[in-house]
Amino acid sequence: MNVTALQQMTVLFVDDEETAREQMTMVLSSFCKKTICVGSADQALVALQEHHPEIVLTDIRMPGSSGLELLNTVKQKDPAVAVVMVSAHSESEYLLDAFRYKADGYLLKPFNFHDLLELLSDLATKKVAADRDLGSGPEKKEFVLKILGTLGGRRAEIMEYVINHLDEDNLFRGTYDEVAEALSASKPTVVATFQIMLEKKVLTRLKYGTYRLNLEEPTD
């Protein structure tokens, strides 16, 4: 964890639950330069103008404007601001929407604060490096890997394996048996994970053993 980089960051946390805001203030105040906690997307937009945070963490489901709407607005105003989406375990279907709106990460409630700090530290390190060397930032594949990795469990490991074994054309070539053997996972788990990725249009099956990662928002 790069504490030095994180100490240079102003972080804005958006959640309509007061307890969540109190917990986040308590945790982040020791690690970040400044922590601002607000209860709505409208208050977040005001805080963005006043405090110019480098990182925003926002709950997805809130009264009024949603976290996804806030994400979209922030990225339109300043794409350099890193936005991390937060949701309950039962709301993980919002993952793909967060990806398409160009979120920089995804965390599940209840918080694992070690994972939270690791993600913020990673974002802070990249921001500090970008300030030194203006580049194009991480590729989409790297982002997809990061947000899928926050889900944990065997499903995330399988998704991570697929993403790590893409060729230059964003194609994955491998069978269920090969993935299961490589990860010491059960074949039913691998099959179920691929089915989810196909249903969510993260992957498109081109032929047996060949899949394309979809980096653009699919059209219905």
Protein backbone atom coordinates (compact mmCIF):
# COMPACT_ATOMS: atom_id res chain seq x y z
CA MET A 1 0.00 0.00 0.00
CA ASN A 2 1.40 3.38 -1.04
CA VAL A 3 0.41 5.49 1.97
CA THR A 4 2.49 8.43 0.75
CA ALA A 5 0.48 8.72 -2.46
CA LEU A 6 -2.83 8.34 -0.63
CA GLN A 7 -1.86 11.12 1.79
CA GLN A 8 -1.80 13.50 -1.18
CA MET A 9 -5.43 12.77 -2.11
CA THR A 10 -8.68 14.52 -1.27
CA VAL A 11 -11.44 11.90 -1.20
CA LEU A 12 -15.18 12.57 -1.49
CA PHE A 13 -17.53 9.88 -0.15
CA VAL A 14 -21.21 9.97 -1.12
CA ASP A 15 -23.77 7.87 0.77
CA ASP A 16 -27.23 8.63 2.14
CA GLU A 17 -26.58 6.49 5.24
CA GLU A 18 -25.15 8.53 8.10
CA THR A 19 -23.49 5.50 9.70
CA ALA A 20 -21.60 4.76 6.50
CA ARG A 21 -20.39 8.36 6.31
CA GLU A 22 -19.23 8.28 9.93
CA GLN A 23 -17.33 5.03 9.38
CA MET A 24 -15.67 6.33 6.22
CA THR A 25 -14.62 9.55 7.91
CA MET A 26 -13.08 7.60 10.76
CA VAL A 27 -11.17 5.24 8.45
CA LEU A 28 -9.97 7.65 5.77
CA SER A 29 -9.05 10.61 7.97
CA SER A 30 -5.85 8.82 8.99
CA PHE A 31 -4.79 8.03 5.43
CA CYS A 32 -5.95 10.84 3.13
CA LYS A 33 -5.08 14.51 2.94
CA LYS A 34 -8.76 15.40 3.27
CA THR A 35 -12.02 13.46 3.49
CA ILE A 36 -15.39 14.98 2.61
CA CYS A 37 -18.59 12.99 3.24
CA VAL A 38 -21.98 14.03 1.85
CA GLY A 39 -25.40 12.44 1.67
CA SER A 40 -26.56 12.93 -1.93
CA ALA A 41 -25.43 13.34 -5.51
CA ASP A 42 -26.50 17.00 -5.49
CA GLN A 43 -24.35 17.69 -2.42
CA ALA A 44 -21.50 15.82 -4.11
CA LEU A 45 -21.58 18.16 -7.11
CA VAL A 46 -21.29 21.15 -4.79
CA ALA A 47 -18.40 19.50 -2.94
CA LEU A 48 -16.66 18.79 -6.25
CA GLN A 49 -16.70 22.49 -7.07
CA GLU A 50 -15.51 23.55 -3.63
CA HIS A 51 -12.91 20.90 -2.78
CA HIS A 52 -11.77 19.46 -6.13
CA PRO A 53 -11.25 15.89 -4.88
CA GLU A 54 -9.03 13.52 -6.83
CA ILE A 55 -11.11 10.46 -5.87
CA VAL A 56 -14.87 10.01 -5.41
CA LEU A 57 -16.52 7.00 -3.78
CA THR A 58 -20.26 6.90 -4.31
CA ASP A 59 -23.05 4.56 -3.33
CA ILE A 60 -25.07 3.43 -6.35
CA ARG A 61 -28.58 3.49 -4.93
CA MET A 62 -29.52 6.77 -3.25
CA PRO A 63 -32.66 8.93 -3.05
CA GLY A 64 -32.72 11.41 -5.91
CA SER A 65 -29.93 11.06 -8.44
CA SER A 66 -28.22 7.68 -8.39
CA GLY A 67 -24.53 7.02 -8.07
CA LEU A 68 -24.42 6.01 -11.73
CA GLU A 69 -25.87 9.38 -12.71
CA LEU A 70 -23.29 11.08 -10.52
CA LEU A 71 -20.53 9.00 -12.12
CA ASN A 72 -21.67 10.05 -15.58
CA THR A 73 -21.80 13.73 -14.60
CA VAL A 74 -18.37 13.67 -12.95
CA LYS A 75 -16.73 11.99 -15.92
CA GLN A 76 -18.29 14.51 -18.30
CA LYS A 77 -17.04 17.42 -16.22
CA ASP A 78 -13.57 16.06 -15.40
CA PRO A 79 -12.56 12.60 -16.66
CA ALA A 80 -9.40 12.77 -14.55
CA VAL A 81 -11.38 12.39 -11.31
CA ALA A 82 -11.31 8.74 -10.24
CA VAL A 83 -14.77 7.42 -9.33
CA VAL A 84 -15.31 4.22 -7.37
CA MET A 85 -18.79 2.72 -7.21
CA VAL A 86 -20.13 1.16 -4.01
CA SER A 87 -23.05 -1.24 -3.76
CA ALA A 88 -24.48 -4.04 -1.66
CA HIS A 89 -23.67 -7.63 -2.57
CA SER A 90 -27.19 -8.08 -3.91
CA GLU A 91 -26.67 -5.22 -6.39
CA SER A 92 -23.58 -6.53 -8.21
CA GLU A 93 -25.53 -6.45 -11.49
CA TYR A 94 -24.66 -2.76 -11.59
CA LEU A 95 -21.04 -3.72 -12.25
CA LEU A 96 -21.34 -3.60 -16.03
CA ASP A 97 -23.19 -0.28 -15.96
CA ALA A 98 -20.38 1.13 -13.83
CA PHE A 99 -17.85 -0.13 -16.35
CA ARG A 100 -19.68 1.41 -19.29
CA TYR A 101 -19.87 4.77 -17.54
CA LYS A 102 -16.06 4.57 -17.09
CA ALA A 103 -15.88 4.00 -13.35
CA ASP A 104 -12.41 3.42 -11.94
CA GLY A 105 -13.33 0.71 -9.47
CA TYR A 106 -16.10 -1.15 -7.70
CA LEU A 107 -16.51 -2.06 -4.02
CA LEU A 108 -19.12 -4.13 -2.25
CA LYS A 109 -20.82 -3.53 1.09
CA PRO A 110 -20.23 -4.33 3.86
CA PHE A 111 -16.79 -2.81 3.40
CA ASN A 112 -13.61 -4.74 3.74
CA PHE A 113 -11.57 -1.70 4.75
CA HIS A 114 -8.27 -3.33 3.81
CA ASP A 115 -9.56 -3.84 0.24
CA LEU A 116 -10.88 -0.27 0.27
CA LEU A 117 -7.52 1.20 1.25
CA GLU A 118 -5.68 -1.01 -1.24
CA LEU A 119 -7.92 0.21 -4.08
CA LEU A 120 -7.61 3.87 -3.06
CA SER A 121 -3.86 3.48 -2.69
CA ASP A 122 -3.66 1.99 -6.18
CA LEU A 123 -5.67 4.88 -7.65
CA ALA A 124 -3.58 7.43 -5.74
CA THR A 125 -0.33 5.87 -6.95
CA LYS A 126 -1.48 6.04 -10.56
CA LYS A 127 -2.58 9.65 -10.14
CA VAL A 128 0.76 10.67 -8.65
CA ALA A 129 2.56 8.90 -11.49
CA ALA A 130 0.30 10.55 -14.07
CA ASP A 131 1.12 13.97 -12.65
CA ARG A 132 4.81 13.20 -13.22
CA ASP A 133 4.36 11.64 -16.63
CA LEU A 134 1.28 12.64 -18.61
CA GLY A 135 0.11 9.49 -20.30
CA SER A 136 -3.06 7.96 -21.59
CA GLY A 137 -3.79 6.08 -18.36
CA PRO A 138 -4.59 2.39 -17.91
CA GLU A 139 -6.12 0.49 -20.78
CA LYS A 140 -9.69 -0.67 -20.57
CA LYS A 141 -8.62 -4.25 -20.06
CA GLU A 142 -6.69 -3.27 -16.95
CA PHE A 143 -9.72 -1.47 -15.58
CA VAL A 144 -12.00 -4.41 -16.25
CA LEU A 145 -9.58 -6.67 -14.42
CA LYS A 146 -9.49 -4.34 -11.44
CA ILE A 147 -13.24 -4.01 -10.96
CA LEU A 148 -13.97 -7.66 -11.55
CA GLY A 149 -11.28 -8.52 -9.05
CA THR A 150 -13.10 -6.63 -6.30
CA LEU A 151 -15.94 -9.18 -6.39
CA GLY A 152 -13.81 -11.92 -4.87
CA GLY A 153 -14.42 -15.65 -4.99
CA ARG A 154 -13.90 -18.20 -7.74
CA ARG A 155 -15.99 -16.28 -10.25
CA ALA A 156 -13.64 -13.31 -10.05
CA GLU A 157 -10.61 -15.59 -10.41
CA ILE A 158 -12.06 -17.11 -13.57
CA MET A 159 -12.89 -13.69 -15.01
CA GLU A 160 -9.40 -12.50 -14.12
CA TYR A 161 -7.86 -15.52 -15.85
CA VAL A 162 -9.81 -14.80 -19.02
CA ILE A 163 -8.81 -11.14 -19.06
CA ASN A 164 -5.17 -11.95 -18.37
CA HIS A 165 -5.08 -14.35 -21.30
CA LEU A 166 -6.53 -12.10 -24.00
CA ASP A 167 -4.53 -11.71 -27.20
CA GLU A 168 -3.92 -8.40 -28.96
CA ASP A 169 -7.35 -8.64 -30.59
CA ASN A 170 -9.10 -9.05 -27.20
CA LEU A 171 -9.75 -12.72 -27.95
CA PHE A 172 -9.61 -15.48 -25.37
CA ARG A 173 -8.82 -18.93 -26.68
CA GLY A 174 -9.45 -21.78 -24.26
CA THR A 175 -11.94 -24.43 -23.26
CA TYR A 176 -13.82 -24.86 -20.01
CA ASP A 177 -11.64 -27.86 -19.18
CA GLU A 178 -8.44 -25.87 -19.74
CA VAL A 179 -9.61 -23.04 -17.49
CA ALA A 180 -10.76 -25.47 -14.80
CA GLU A 181 -7.41 -27.26 -14.86
CA ALA A 182 -5.39 -24.04 -14.79
CA LEU A 183 -7.28 -22.70 -11.77
CA SER A 184 -8.00 -26.02 -10.02
CA ALA A 185 -11.67 -25.07 -10.24
CA SER A 186 -14.68 -27.28 -10.88
CA LYS A 187 -15.91 -27.38 -14.44
CA PRO A 188 -19.51 -26.47 -13.43
CA THR A 189 -18.17 -23.30 -11.77
CA VAL A 190 -16.23 -22.38 -14.91
CA VAL A 191 -19.24 -23.08 -17.16
CA ALA A 192 -21.54 -21.00 -14.93
CA THR A 193 -19.08 -18.09 -14.91
CA PHE A 194 -18.73 -18.09 -18.70
CA GLN A 195 -22.52 -18.23 -19.00
CA ILE A 196 -22.83 -15.11 -16.85
CA MET A 197 -20.25 -13.28 -18.96
CA LEU A 198 -22.05 -14.31 -22.14
CA GLU A 199 -25.48 -13.29 -20.81
CA LYS A 200 -24.13 -9.93 -19.64
CA LYS A 201 -22.40 -9.50 -23.04
CA VAL A 202 -19.00 -9.15 -21.44
CA LEU A 203 -17.95 -11.96 -23.78
CA THR A 204 -19.15 -13.02 -27.20
CA ARG A 205 -18.60 -16.64 -28.28
CA LEU A 206 -17.13 -16.68 -31.79
CA LYS A 207 -16.66 -20.43 -31.97
CA TYR A 208 -15.85 -23.31 -29.65
CA GLY A 209 -12.97 -22.25 -27.44
CA THR A 210 -12.78 -18.68 -28.80
CA TYR A 211 -14.39 -15.66 -27.13
CA ARG A 212 -14.14 -11.91 -27.70
CA LEU A 213 -14.11 -9.42 -24.81
CA ASN A 214 -16.61 -6.64 -25.49
CA LEU A 215 -15.13 -3.27 -24.54
CA GLU A 216 -17.96 -1.19 -25.97
CA GLU A 217 -21.47 -0.87 -24.61
CA PRO A 218 -23.61 -3.51 -26.33
CA THR A 219 -26.68 -2.51 -28.30
CA ASP A 220 -29.90 -4.38 -27.65
